[in-house]
Full PDB file with SEQRES, HELIX, SHEET, SSBOND, CRYST1, ORIGX, SCALE, CONECT and MASTER records, all heavy atoms in Angstrom:
SEQRES   1 A   36  ASP SER VAL SER THR GLU TYR SER VAL ARG HIS ALA ASP          
SEQRES   2 A   36  GLY GLU ILE ARG HIS ILE ILE GLY ASN ILE LYS LEU MET          
SEQRES   3 A   36  GLU GLU ASN GLY GLU GLN PHE TYR GLN ARG                      
SHEET    1 AA1 3 SER A   2  ARG A  10  0                                        
SHEET    2 AA1 3 ILE A  16  GLU A  28 -1                                        
SHEET    3 AA1 3 GLU A  31  GLN A  35 -1                                        
CRYST1    1.000    1.000    1.000  90.00  90.00  90.00 P 1           1          
ORIGX1      1.000000  0.000000  0.000000        0.00000                         
ORIGX2      0.000000  1.000000  0.000000        0.00000                         
ORIGX3      0.000000  0.000000  1.000000        0.00000                         
SCALE1      1.000000  0.000000  0.000000        0.00000                         
SCALE2      0.000000  1.000000  0.000000        0.00000                         
SCALE3      0.000000  0.000000  1.000000        0.00000                         
ATOM      1  N   ASP A   1     -10.224   8.381   5.028  1.00  0.00           N  
ATOM      2  CA  ASP A   1      -9.175   9.119   4.322  1.00  0.00           C  
ATOM      3  C   ASP A   1      -8.368   8.145   3.472  1.00  0.00           C  
ATOM      4  O   ASP A   1      -8.111   7.010   3.879  1.00  0.00           O  
ATOM      5  CB  ASP A   1      -8.220   9.804   5.307  1.00  0.00           C  
ATOM      6  CG  ASP A   1      -8.846  10.976   6.043  1.00  0.00           C  
ATOM      7  OD1 ASP A   1      -9.975  11.363   5.696  1.00  0.00           O  
ATOM      8  OD2 ASP A   1      -8.196  11.497   6.979  1.00  0.00           O  
ATOM      9  N   SER A   2      -7.966   8.599   2.283  1.00  0.00           N  
ATOM     10  CA  SER A   2      -7.137   7.745   1.431  1.00  0.00           C  
ATOM     11  C   SER A   2      -6.117   8.592   0.690  1.00  0.00           C  
ATOM     12  O   SER A   2      -6.271   9.807   0.561  1.00  0.00           O  
ATOM     13  CB  SER A   2      -7.992   6.950   0.446  1.00  0.00           C  
ATOM     14  OG  SER A   2      -8.617   7.810  -0.483  1.00  0.00           O  
ATOM     15  N   VAL A   3      -5.088   7.919   0.211  1.00  0.00           N  
ATOM     16  CA  VAL A   3      -4.028   8.587  -0.529  1.00  0.00           C  
ATOM     17  C   VAL A   3      -3.490   7.610  -1.575  1.00  0.00           C  
ATOM     18  O   VAL A   3      -3.459   6.406  -1.359  1.00  0.00           O  
ATOM     19  CB  VAL A   3      -2.897   9.071   0.432  1.00  0.00           C  
ATOM     20  CG1 VAL A   3      -2.202   7.904   1.107  1.00  0.00           C  
ATOM     21  CG2 VAL A   3      -1.898   9.956  -0.275  1.00  0.00           C  
ATOM     22  N   SER A   4      -3.103   8.150  -2.722  1.00  0.00           N  
ATOM     23  CA  SER A   4      -2.510   7.339  -3.778  1.00  0.00           C  
ATOM     24  C   SER A   4      -1.015   7.621  -3.828  1.00  0.00           C  
ATOM     25  O   SER A   4      -0.560   8.715  -3.469  1.00  0.00           O  
ATOM     26  CB  SER A   4      -3.135   7.665  -5.130  1.00  0.00           C  
ATOM     27  OG  SER A   4      -4.493   7.288  -5.130  1.00  0.00           O  
ATOM     28  N   THR A   5      -0.266   6.639  -4.287  1.00  0.00           N  
ATOM     29  CA  THR A   5       1.179   6.780  -4.312  1.00  0.00           C  
ATOM     30  C   THR A   5       1.794   5.870  -5.367  1.00  0.00           C  
ATOM     31  O   THR A   5       1.129   4.971  -5.884  1.00  0.00           O  
ATOM     32  CB  THR A   5       1.778   6.472  -2.914  1.00  0.00           C  
ATOM     33  OG1 THR A   5       3.159   6.757  -2.919  1.00  0.00           O  
ATOM     34  CG2 THR A   5       1.538   5.022  -2.530  1.00  0.00           C  
ATOM     35  N   GLU A   6       3.045   6.133  -5.689  1.00  0.00           N  
ATOM     36  CA  GLU A   6       3.818   5.261  -6.577  1.00  0.00           C  
ATOM     37  C   GLU A   6       5.136   4.962  -5.890  1.00  0.00           C  
ATOM     38  O   GLU A   6       5.721   5.834  -5.240  1.00  0.00           O  
ATOM     39  CB  GLU A   6       4.099   5.952  -7.912  1.00  0.00           C  
ATOM     40  CG  GLU A   6       2.882   6.128  -8.778  1.00  0.00           C  
ATOM     41  CD  GLU A   6       3.220   6.694 -10.154  1.00  0.00           C  
ATOM     42  OE1 GLU A   6       4.291   6.328 -10.711  1.00  0.00           O  
ATOM     43  OE2 GLU A   6       2.426   7.496 -10.656  1.00  0.00           O  
ATOM     44  N   TYR A   7       5.601   3.736  -6.040  1.00  0.00           N  
ATOM     45  CA  TYR A   7       6.887   3.346  -5.485  1.00  0.00           C  
ATOM     46  C   TYR A   7       7.390   2.108  -6.212  1.00  0.00           C  
ATOM     47  O   TYR A   7       6.673   1.526  -7.032  1.00  0.00           O  
ATOM     48  CB  TYR A   7       6.818   3.121  -3.973  1.00  0.00           C  
ATOM     49  CG  TYR A   7       5.776   2.126  -3.515  1.00  0.00           C  
ATOM     50  CD1 TYR A   7       6.117   0.802  -3.246  1.00  0.00           C  
ATOM     51  CD2 TYR A   7       4.456   2.521  -3.325  1.00  0.00           C  
ATOM     52  CE1 TYR A   7       5.160  -0.101  -2.803  1.00  0.00           C  
ATOM     53  CE2 TYR A   7       3.498   1.623  -2.886  1.00  0.00           C  
ATOM     54  CZ  TYR A   7       3.853   0.312  -2.627  1.00  0.00           C  
ATOM     55  OH  TYR A   7       2.913  -0.576  -2.197  1.00  0.00           O  
ATOM     56  N   SER A   8       8.623   1.752  -5.935  1.00  0.00           N  
ATOM     57  CA  SER A   8       9.237   0.596  -6.594  1.00  0.00           C  
ATOM     58  C   SER A   8       9.738  -0.386  -5.552  1.00  0.00           C  
ATOM     59  O   SER A   8      10.074  -0.010  -4.430  1.00  0.00           O  
ATOM     60  CB  SER A   8      10.404   1.048  -7.475  1.00  0.00           C  
ATOM     61  OG  SER A   8       9.945   1.932  -8.478  1.00  0.00           O  
ATOM     62  N   VAL A   9       9.783  -1.657  -5.958  1.00  0.00           N  
ATOM     63  CA  VAL A   9      10.319  -2.716  -5.106  1.00  0.00           C  
ATOM     64  C   VAL A   9      11.356  -3.505  -5.894  1.00  0.00           C  
ATOM     65  O   VAL A   9      11.299  -3.575  -7.121  1.00  0.00           O  
ATOM     66  CB  VAL A   9       9.216  -3.669  -4.575  1.00  0.00           C  
ATOM     67  CG1 VAL A   9       8.223  -2.937  -3.700  1.00  0.00           C  
ATOM     68  CG2 VAL A   9       8.506  -4.385  -5.692  1.00  0.00           C  
ATOM     69  N   ARG A  10      12.294  -4.084  -5.161  1.00  0.00           N  
ATOM     70  CA  ARG A  10      13.292  -4.961  -5.770  1.00  0.00           C  
ATOM     71  C   ARG A  10      13.149  -6.335  -5.125  1.00  0.00           C  
ATOM     72  O   ARG A  10      13.301  -6.487  -3.922  1.00  0.00           O  
ATOM     73  CB  ARG A  10      14.709  -4.434  -5.551  1.00  0.00           C  
ATOM     74  CG  ARG A  10      15.779  -5.280  -6.239  1.00  0.00           C  
ATOM     75  CD  ARG A  10      17.217  -4.813  -5.960  1.00  0.00           C  
ATOM     76  NE  ARG A  10      17.389  -3.375  -6.034  1.00  0.00           N  
ATOM     77  CZ  ARG A  10      17.672  -2.699  -7.163  1.00  0.00           C  
ATOM     78  NH1 ARG A  10      17.792  -3.337  -8.289  1.00  0.00           N  
ATOM     79  NH2 ARG A  10      17.819  -1.388  -7.130  1.00  0.00           N  
ATOM     80  N   HIS A  11      12.846  -7.330  -5.962  1.00  0.00           N  
ATOM     81  CA  HIS A  11      12.727  -8.703  -5.479  1.00  0.00           C  
ATOM     82  C   HIS A  11      14.112  -9.257  -5.161  1.00  0.00           C  
ATOM     83  O   HIS A  11      15.132  -8.713  -5.581  1.00  0.00           O  
ATOM     84  CB  HIS A  11      12.051  -9.578  -6.534  1.00  0.00           C  
ATOM     85  CG  HIS A  11      10.599  -9.258  -6.738  1.00  0.00           C  
ATOM     86  ND1 HIS A  11       9.768 -10.060  -7.461  1.00  0.00           N  
ATOM     87  CD2 HIS A  11       9.817  -8.224  -6.311  1.00  0.00           C  
ATOM     88  CE1 HIS A  11       8.556  -9.553  -7.482  1.00  0.00           C  
ATOM     89  NE2 HIS A  11       8.560  -8.426  -6.799  1.00  0.00           N  
ATOM     90  N   ALA A  12      14.144 -10.356  -4.432  1.00  0.00           N  
ATOM     91  CA  ALA A  12      15.407 -10.985  -4.037  1.00  0.00           C  
ATOM     92  C   ALA A  12      16.248 -11.368  -5.250  1.00  0.00           C  
ATOM     93  O   ALA A  12      17.481 -11.333  -5.188  1.00  0.00           O  
ATOM     94  CB  ALA A  12      15.131 -12.217  -3.179  1.00  0.00           C  
ATOM     95  N   ASP A  13      15.612 -11.683  -6.388  1.00  0.00           N  
ATOM     96  CA  ASP A  13      16.355 -12.056  -7.603  1.00  0.00           C  
ATOM     97  C   ASP A  13      16.803 -10.842  -8.410  1.00  0.00           C  
ATOM     98  O   ASP A  13      17.347 -10.974  -9.496  1.00  0.00           O  
ATOM     99  CB  ASP A  13      15.526 -13.002  -8.474  1.00  0.00           C  
ATOM    100  CG  ASP A  13      14.259 -12.349  -9.018  1.00  0.00           C  
ATOM    101  OD1 ASP A  13      14.024 -11.141  -8.787  1.00  0.00           O  
ATOM    102  OD2 ASP A  13      13.478 -13.073  -9.690  1.00  0.00           O  
ATOM    103  N   GLY A  14      16.541  -9.626  -7.890  1.00  0.00           N  
ATOM    104  CA  GLY A  14      16.972  -8.403  -8.552  1.00  0.00           C  
ATOM    105  C   GLY A  14      15.908  -7.761  -9.432  1.00  0.00           C  
ATOM    106  O   GLY A  14      16.080  -6.632  -9.885  1.00  0.00           O  
ATOM    107  N   GLU A  15      14.809  -8.469  -9.688  1.00  0.00           N  
ATOM    108  CA  GLU A  15      13.746  -7.928 -10.528  1.00  0.00           C  
ATOM    109  C   GLU A  15      13.132  -6.696  -9.854  1.00  0.00           C  
ATOM    110  O   GLU A  15      12.887  -6.686  -8.653  1.00  0.00           O  
ATOM    111  CB  GLU A  15      12.662  -8.987 -10.749  1.00  0.00           C  
ATOM    112  CG  GLU A  15      11.525  -8.489 -11.609  1.00  0.00           C  
ATOM    113  CD  GLU A  15      10.404  -9.507 -11.761  1.00  0.00           C  
ATOM    114  OE1 GLU A  15      10.485 -10.605 -11.174  1.00  0.00           O  
ATOM    115  OE2 GLU A  15       9.431  -9.176 -12.465  1.00  0.00           O  
ATOM    116  N   ILE A  16      12.912  -5.657 -10.655  1.00  0.00           N  
ATOM    117  CA  ILE A  16      12.325  -4.412 -10.148  1.00  0.00           C  
ATOM    118  C   ILE A  16      10.884  -4.316 -10.625  1.00  0.00           C  
ATOM    119  O   ILE A  16      10.591  -4.554 -11.798  1.00  0.00           O  
ATOM    120  CB  ILE A  16      13.139  -3.191 -10.613  1.00  0.00           C  
ATOM    121  CG1 ILE A  16      14.533  -3.236  -9.984  1.00  0.00           C  
ATOM    122  CG2 ILE A  16      12.417  -1.897 -10.275  1.00  0.00           C  
ATOM    123  CD1 ILE A  16      15.475  -2.165 -10.478  1.00  0.00           C  
ATOM    124  N   ARG A  17      10.002  -3.975  -9.696  1.00  0.00           N  
ATOM    125  CA  ARG A  17       8.583  -3.774 -10.016  1.00  0.00           C  
ATOM    126  C   ARG A  17       8.187  -2.356  -9.625  1.00  0.00           C  
ATOM    127  O   ARG A  17       8.594  -1.857  -8.580  1.00  0.00           O  
ATOM    128  CB  ARG A  17       7.705  -4.761  -9.234  1.00  0.00           C  
ATOM    129  CG  ARG A  17       7.949  -6.212  -9.516  1.00  0.00           C  
ATOM    130  CD  ARG A  17       7.122  -6.685 -10.708  1.00  0.00           C  
ATOM    131  NE  ARG A  17       7.273  -8.105 -10.919  1.00  0.00           N  
ATOM    132  CZ  ARG A  17       6.385  -9.017 -10.544  1.00  0.00           C  
ATOM    133  NH1 ARG A  17       5.288  -8.650  -9.934  1.00  0.00           N  
ATOM    134  NH2 ARG A  17       6.601 -10.279 -10.806  1.00  0.00           N  
ATOM    135  N   HIS A  18       7.399  -1.741 -10.477  1.00  0.00           N  
ATOM    136  CA  HIS A  18       6.867  -0.401 -10.202  1.00  0.00           C  
ATOM    137  C   HIS A  18       5.406  -0.568  -9.798  1.00  0.00           C  
ATOM    138  O   HIS A  18       4.639  -1.265 -10.465  1.00  0.00           O  
ATOM    139  CB  HIS A  18       7.002   0.499 -11.428  1.00  0.00           C  
ATOM    140  CG  HIS A  18       8.417   0.668 -11.867  1.00  0.00           C  
ATOM    141  ND1 HIS A  18       9.314   1.471 -11.198  1.00  0.00           N  
ATOM    142  CD2 HIS A  18       9.097   0.087 -12.880  1.00  0.00           C  
ATOM    143  CE1 HIS A  18      10.484   1.402 -11.800  1.00  0.00           C  
ATOM    144  NE2 HIS A  18      10.388   0.565 -12.823  1.00  0.00           N  
ATOM    145  N   ILE A  19       5.039   0.083  -8.711  1.00  0.00           N  
ATOM    146  CA  ILE A  19       3.723  -0.107  -8.120  1.00  0.00           C  
ATOM    147  C   ILE A  19       2.979   1.218  -8.021  1.00  0.00           C  
ATOM    148  O   ILE A  19       3.554   2.234  -7.615  1.00  0.00           O  
ATOM    149  CB  ILE A  19       3.849  -0.719  -6.701  1.00  0.00           C  
ATOM    150  CG1 ILE A  19       4.537  -2.076  -6.796  1.00  0.00           C  
ATOM    151  CG2 ILE A  19       2.490  -0.835  -6.022  1.00  0.00           C  
ATOM    152  CD1 ILE A  19       4.936  -2.645  -5.459  1.00  0.00           C  
ATOM    153  N   ILE A  20       1.712   1.165  -8.399  1.00  0.00           N  
ATOM    154  CA  ILE A  20       0.787   2.260  -8.098  1.00  0.00           C  
ATOM    155  C   ILE A  20      -0.050   1.739  -6.937  1.00  0.00           C  
ATOM    156  O   ILE A  20      -0.587   0.622  -7.003  1.00  0.00           O  
ATOM    157  CB  ILE A  20      -0.122   2.598  -9.293  1.00  0.00           C  
ATOM    158  CG1 ILE A  20       0.694   3.180 -10.431  1.00  0.00           C  
ATOM    159  CG2 ILE A  20      -1.227   3.563  -8.864  1.00  0.00           C  
ATOM    160  CD1 ILE A  20      -0.112   3.471 -11.689  1.00  0.00           C  
ATOM    161  N   GLY A  21      -0.122   2.514  -5.870  1.00  0.00           N  
ATOM    162  CA  GLY A  21      -0.835   2.048  -4.692  1.00  0.00           C  
ATOM    163  C   GLY A  21      -1.859   3.039  -4.201  1.00  0.00           C  
ATOM    164  O   GLY A  21      -1.777   4.236  -4.477  1.00  0.00           O  
ATOM    165  N   ASN A  22      -2.822   2.508  -3.494  1.00  0.00           N  
ATOM    166  CA  ASN A  22      -3.808   3.335  -2.818  1.00  0.00           C  
ATOM    167  C   ASN A  22      -3.909   2.821  -1.392  1.00  0.00           C  
ATOM    168  O   ASN A  22      -3.980   1.611  -1.169  1.00  0.00           O  
ATOM    169  CB  ASN A  22      -5.172   3.253  -3.510  1.00  0.00           C  
ATOM    170  CG  ASN A  22      -6.183   4.152  -2.834  1.00  0.00           C  
ATOM    171  OD1 ASN A  22      -6.811   3.770  -1.860  1.00  0.00           O  
ATOM    172  ND2 ASN A  22      -6.334   5.360  -3.350  1.00  0.00           N  
ATOM    173  N   ILE A  23      -3.886   3.730  -0.448  1.00  0.00           N  
ATOM    174  CA  ILE A  23      -3.950   3.370   0.970  1.00  0.00           C  
ATOM    175  C   ILE A  23      -5.159   4.079   1.566  1.00  0.00           C  
ATOM    176  O   ILE A  23      -5.385   5.270   1.315  1.00  0.00           O  
ATOM    177  CB  ILE A  23      -2.669   3.806   1.716  1.00  0.00           C  
ATOM    178  CG1 ILE A  23      -1.439   3.214   1.035  1.00  0.00           C  
ATOM    179  CG2 ILE A  23      -2.717   3.384   3.172  1.00  0.00           C  
ATOM    180  CD1 ILE A  23      -0.366   4.197   0.754  1.00  0.00           C  
ATOM    181  N   LYS A  24      -5.935   3.339   2.350  1.00  0.00           N  
ATOM    182  CA  LYS A  24      -7.123   3.920   2.972  1.00  0.00           C  
ATOM    183  C   LYS A  24      -7.135   3.549   4.449  1.00  0.00           C  
ATOM    184  O   LYS A  24      -6.857   2.411   4.810  1.00  0.00           O  
ATOM    185  CB  LYS A  24      -8.380   3.377   2.292  1.00  0.00           C  
ATOM    186  CG  LYS A  24      -9.664   4.016   2.763  1.00  0.00           C  
ATOM    187  CD  LYS A  24     -10.839   3.563   1.911  1.00  0.00           C  
ATOM    188  CE  LYS A  24     -12.100   4.322   2.281  1.00  0.00           C  
ATOM    189  NZ  LYS A  24     -13.204   3.975   1.397  1.00  0.00           N  
ATOM    190  N   LEU A  25      -7.453   4.524   5.287  1.00  0.00           N  
ATOM    191  CA  LEU A  25      -7.609   4.279   6.716  1.00  0.00           C  
ATOM    192  C   LEU A  25      -9.024   3.770   6.942  1.00  0.00           C  
ATOM    193  O   LEU A  25      -9.996   4.426   6.579  1.00  0.00           O  
ATOM    194  CB  LEU A  25      -7.353   5.550   7.527  1.00  0.00           C  
ATOM    195  CG  LEU A  25      -7.467   5.426   9.048  1.00  0.00           C  
ATOM    196  CD1 LEU A  25      -6.487   4.394   9.599  1.00  0.00           C  
ATOM    197  CD2 LEU A  25      -7.224   6.779   9.711  1.00  0.00           C  
ATOM    198  N   MET A  26      -9.126   2.581   7.512  1.00  0.00           N  
ATOM    199  CA  MET A  26     -10.411   1.928   7.713  1.00  0.00           C  
ATOM    200  C   MET A  26     -10.673   1.759   9.206  1.00  0.00           C  
ATOM    201  O   MET A  26      -9.737   1.757  10.005  1.00  0.00           O  
ATOM    202  CB  MET A  26     -10.416   0.538   7.062  1.00  0.00           C  
ATOM    203  CG  MET A  26     -10.070   0.523   5.587  1.00  0.00           C  
ATOM    204  SD  MET A  26     -11.374   1.165   4.570  1.00  0.00           S  
ATOM    205  CE  MET A  26     -12.574  -0.140   4.713  1.00  0.00           C  
ATOM    206  N   GLU A  27     -11.946   1.580   9.543  1.00  0.00           N  
ATOM    207  CA  GLU A  27     -12.308   1.264  10.920  1.00  0.00           C  
ATOM    208  C   GLU A  27     -13.409   0.221  10.896  1.00  0.00           C  
ATOM    209  O   GLU A  27     -14.403   0.368  10.182  1.00  0.00           O  
ATOM    210  CB  GLU A  27     -12.786   2.505  11.672  1.00  0.00           C  
ATOM    211  CG  GLU A  27     -13.059   2.219  13.134  1.00  0.00           C  
ATOM    212  CD  GLU A  27     -13.296   3.472  13.956  1.00  0.00           C  
ATOM    213  OE1 GLU A  27     -13.291   4.586  13.402  1.00  0.00           O  
ATOM    214  OE2 GLU A  27     -13.479   3.347  15.174  1.00  0.00           O  
ATOM    215  N   GLU A  28     -13.197  -0.847  11.649  1.00  0.00           N  
ATOM    216  CA  GLU A  28     -14.167  -1.922  11.756  1.00  0.00           C  
ATOM    217  C   GLU A  28     -14.191  -2.408  13.190  1.00  0.00           C  
ATOM    218  O   GLU A  28     -13.138  -2.683  13.757  1.00  0.00           O  
ATOM    219  CB  GLU A  28     -13.746  -3.082  10.835  1.00  0.00           C  
ATOM    220  CG  GLU A  28     -14.830  -3.575   9.923  1.00  0.00           C  
ATOM    221  CD  GLU A  28     -14.304  -4.589   8.935  1.00  0.00           C  
ATOM    222  OE1 GLU A  28     -13.858  -5.669   9.376  1.00  0.00           O  
ATOM    223  OE2 GLU A  28     -14.333  -4.301   7.730  1.00  0.00           O  
ATOM    224  N   ASN A  29     -15.360  -2.502  13.761  1.00  0.00           N  
ATOM    225  CA  ASN A  29     -15.525  -2.951  15.150  1.00  0.00           C  
ATOM    226  C   ASN A  29     -14.646  -2.156  16.118  1.00  0.00           C  
ATOM    227  O   ASN A  29     -14.045  -2.709  17.030  1.00  0.00           O  
ATOM    228  CB  ASN A  29     -15.216  -4.451  15.264  1.00  0.00           C  
ATOM    229  CG  ASN A  29     -16.135  -5.285  14.410  1.00  0.00           C  
ATOM    230  OD1 ASN A  29     -17.312  -4.975  14.278  1.00  0.00           O  
ATOM    231  ND2 ASN A  29     -15.596  -6.333  13.817  1.00  0.00           N  
ATOM    232  N   GLY A  30     -14.534  -0.860  15.874  1.00  0.00           N  
ATOM    233  CA  GLY A  30     -13.772   0.007  16.757  1.00  0.00           C  
ATOM    234  C   GLY A  30     -12.257  -0.049  16.558  1.00  0.00           C  
ATOM    235  O   GLY A  30     -11.524   0.667  17.213  1.00  0.00           O  
ATOM    236  N   GLU A  31     -11.775  -0.894  15.635  1.00  0.00           N  
ATOM    237  CA  GLU A  31     -10.336  -1.008  15.385  1.00  0.00           C  
ATOM    238  C   GLU A  31     -10.000  -0.343  14.056  1.00  0.00           C  
ATOM    239  O   GLU A  31     -10.638  -0.593  13.041  1.00  0.00           O  
ATOM    240  CB  GLU A  31      -9.918  -2.486  15.328  1.00  0.00           C  
ATOM    241  CG  GLU A  31      -8.439  -2.661  15.058  1.00  0.00           C  
ATOM    242  CD  GLU A  31      -8.029  -4.115  14.874  1.00  0.00           C  
ATOM    243  OE1 GLU A  31      -8.880  -5.007  14.947  1.00  0.00           O  
ATOM    244  OE2 GLU A  31      -6.838  -4.342  14.641  1.00  0.00           O  
ATOM    245  N   GLN A  32      -8.989   0.518  14.084  1.00  0.00           N  
ATOM    246  CA  GLN A  32      -8.535   1.165  12.858  1.00  0.00           C  
ATOM    247  C   GLN A  32      -7.380   0.372  12.266  1.00  0.00           C  
ATOM    248  O   GLN A  32      -6.572  -0.207  12.986  1.00  0.00           O  
ATOM    249  CB  GLN A  32      -8.098   2.600  13.132  1.00  0.00           C  
ATOM    250  CG  GLN A  32      -9.253   3.511  13.486  1.00  0.00           C  
ATOM    251  CD  GLN A  32      -8.833   4.960  13.615  1.00  0.00           C  
ATOM    252  OE1 GLN A  32      -7.656   5.307  13.567  1.00  0.00           O  
ATOM    253  NE2 GLN A  32      -9.811   5.840  13.785  1.00  0.00           N  
ATOM    254  N   PHE A  33      -7.312   0.383  10.924  1.00  0.00           N  
ATOM    255  CA  PHE A  33      -6.239  -0.301  10.215  1.00  0.00           C  
ATOM    256  C   PHE A  33      -6.103   0.316   8.828  1.00  0.00           C  
ATOM    257  O   PHE A  33      -6.970   1.069   8.392  1.00  0.00           O  
ATOM    258  CB  PHE A  33      -6.517  -1.812  10.116  1.00  0.00           C  
ATOM    259  CG  PHE A  33      -7.803  -2.150   9.410  1.00  0.00           C  
ATOM    260  CD1 PHE A  33      -7.832  -2.403   8.053  1.00  0.00           C  
ATOM    261  CD2 PHE A  33      -9.003  -2.197  10.115  1.00  0.00           C  
ATOM    262  CE1 PHE A  33      -9.021  -2.707   7.399  1.00  0.00           C  
ATOM    263  CE2 PHE A  33     -10.191  -2.507   9.477  1.00  0.00           C  
ATOM    264  CZ  PHE A  33     -10.208  -2.756   8.111  1.00  0.00           C  
ATOM    265  N   TYR A  34      -4.988   0.010   8.166  1.00  0.00           N  
ATOM    266  CA  TYR A  34      -4.773   0.487   6.807  1.00  0.00           C  
ATOM    267  C   TYR A  34      -5.133  -0.617   5.828  1.00  0.00           C  
ATOM    268  O   TYR A  34      -4.726  -1.765   6.005  1.00  0.00           O  
ATOM    269  CB  TYR A  34      -3.315   0.887   6.586  1.00  0.00           C  
ATOM    270  CG  TYR A  34      -2.881   2.069   7.414  1.00  0.00           C  
ATOM    271  CD1 TYR A  34      -1.963   1.919   8.447  1.00  0.00           C  
ATOM    272  CD2 TYR A  34      -3.387   3.345   7.165  1.00  0.00           C  
ATOM    273  CE1 TYR A  34      -1.563   3.000   9.207  1.00  0.00           C  
ATOM    274  CE2 TYR A  34      -2.984   4.435   7.928  1.00  0.00           C  
ATOM    275  CZ  TYR A  34      -2.076   4.254   8.944  1.00  0.00           C  
ATOM    276  OH  TYR A  34      -1.680   5.326   9.699  1.00  0.00           O  
ATOM    277  N   GLN A  35      -5.891  -0.246   4.791  1.00  0.00           N  
ATOM    278  CA  GLN A  35      -6.180  -1.165   3.702  1.00  0.00           C  
ATOM    279  C   GLN A  35      -5.438  -0.622   2.488  1.00  0.00           C  
ATOM    280  O   GLN A  35      -5.587   0.550   2.138  1.00  0.00           O  
ATOM    281  CB  GLN A  35      -7.676  -1.218   3.427  1.00  0.00           C  
ATOM    282  CG  GLN A  35      -8.061  -2.197   2.337  1.00  0.00           C  
ATOM    283  CD  GLN A  35      -9.565  -2.290   2.199  1.00  0.00           C  
ATOM    284  OE1 GLN A  35     -10.234  -1.283   1.993  1.00  0.00           O  
ATOM    285  NE2 GLN A  35     -10.094  -3.491   2.324  1.00  0.00           N  
ATOM    286  N   ARG A  36      -4.635  -1.491   1.883  1.00  0.00           N  
ATOM    287  CA  ARG A  36      -3.800  -1.044   0.773  1.00  0.00           C  
ATOM    288  C   ARG A  36      -4.057  -1.876  -0.471  1.00  0.00           C  
ATOM    289  O   ARG A  36      -4.215  -3.084  -0.398  1.00  0.00           O  
ATOM    290  CB  ARG A  36      -2.326  -1.142   1.174  1.00  0.00           C  
ATOM    291  CG  ARG A  36      -2.010  -0.212   2.335  1.00  0.00           C  
ATOM    292  CD  ARG A  36      -0.655  -0.412   2.913  1.00  0.00           C  
ATOM    293  NE  ARG A  36       0.404  -0.280   1.929  1.00  0.00           N  
ATOM    294  CZ  ARG A  36       1.692  -0.421   2.229  1.00  0.00           C  
ATOM    295  NH1 ARG A  36       2.069  -0.696   3.457  1.00  0.00           N  
ATOM    296  NH2 ARG A  36       2.605  -0.293   1.301  1.00  0.00           N  
TER     297      ARG A  36                                                      
MASTER        0    0    0    0    3    0    0    6  296    1    0    3          
END                                                                             
């Protein structure tokens, strides 16, 4: 399963970045994790 999203971050120096992201639920060797 995967989902796309948009969000923003503010760096410590005040700089703002806009991000397009994709998140996917993965499974390897019986362990699940998120790959972003």
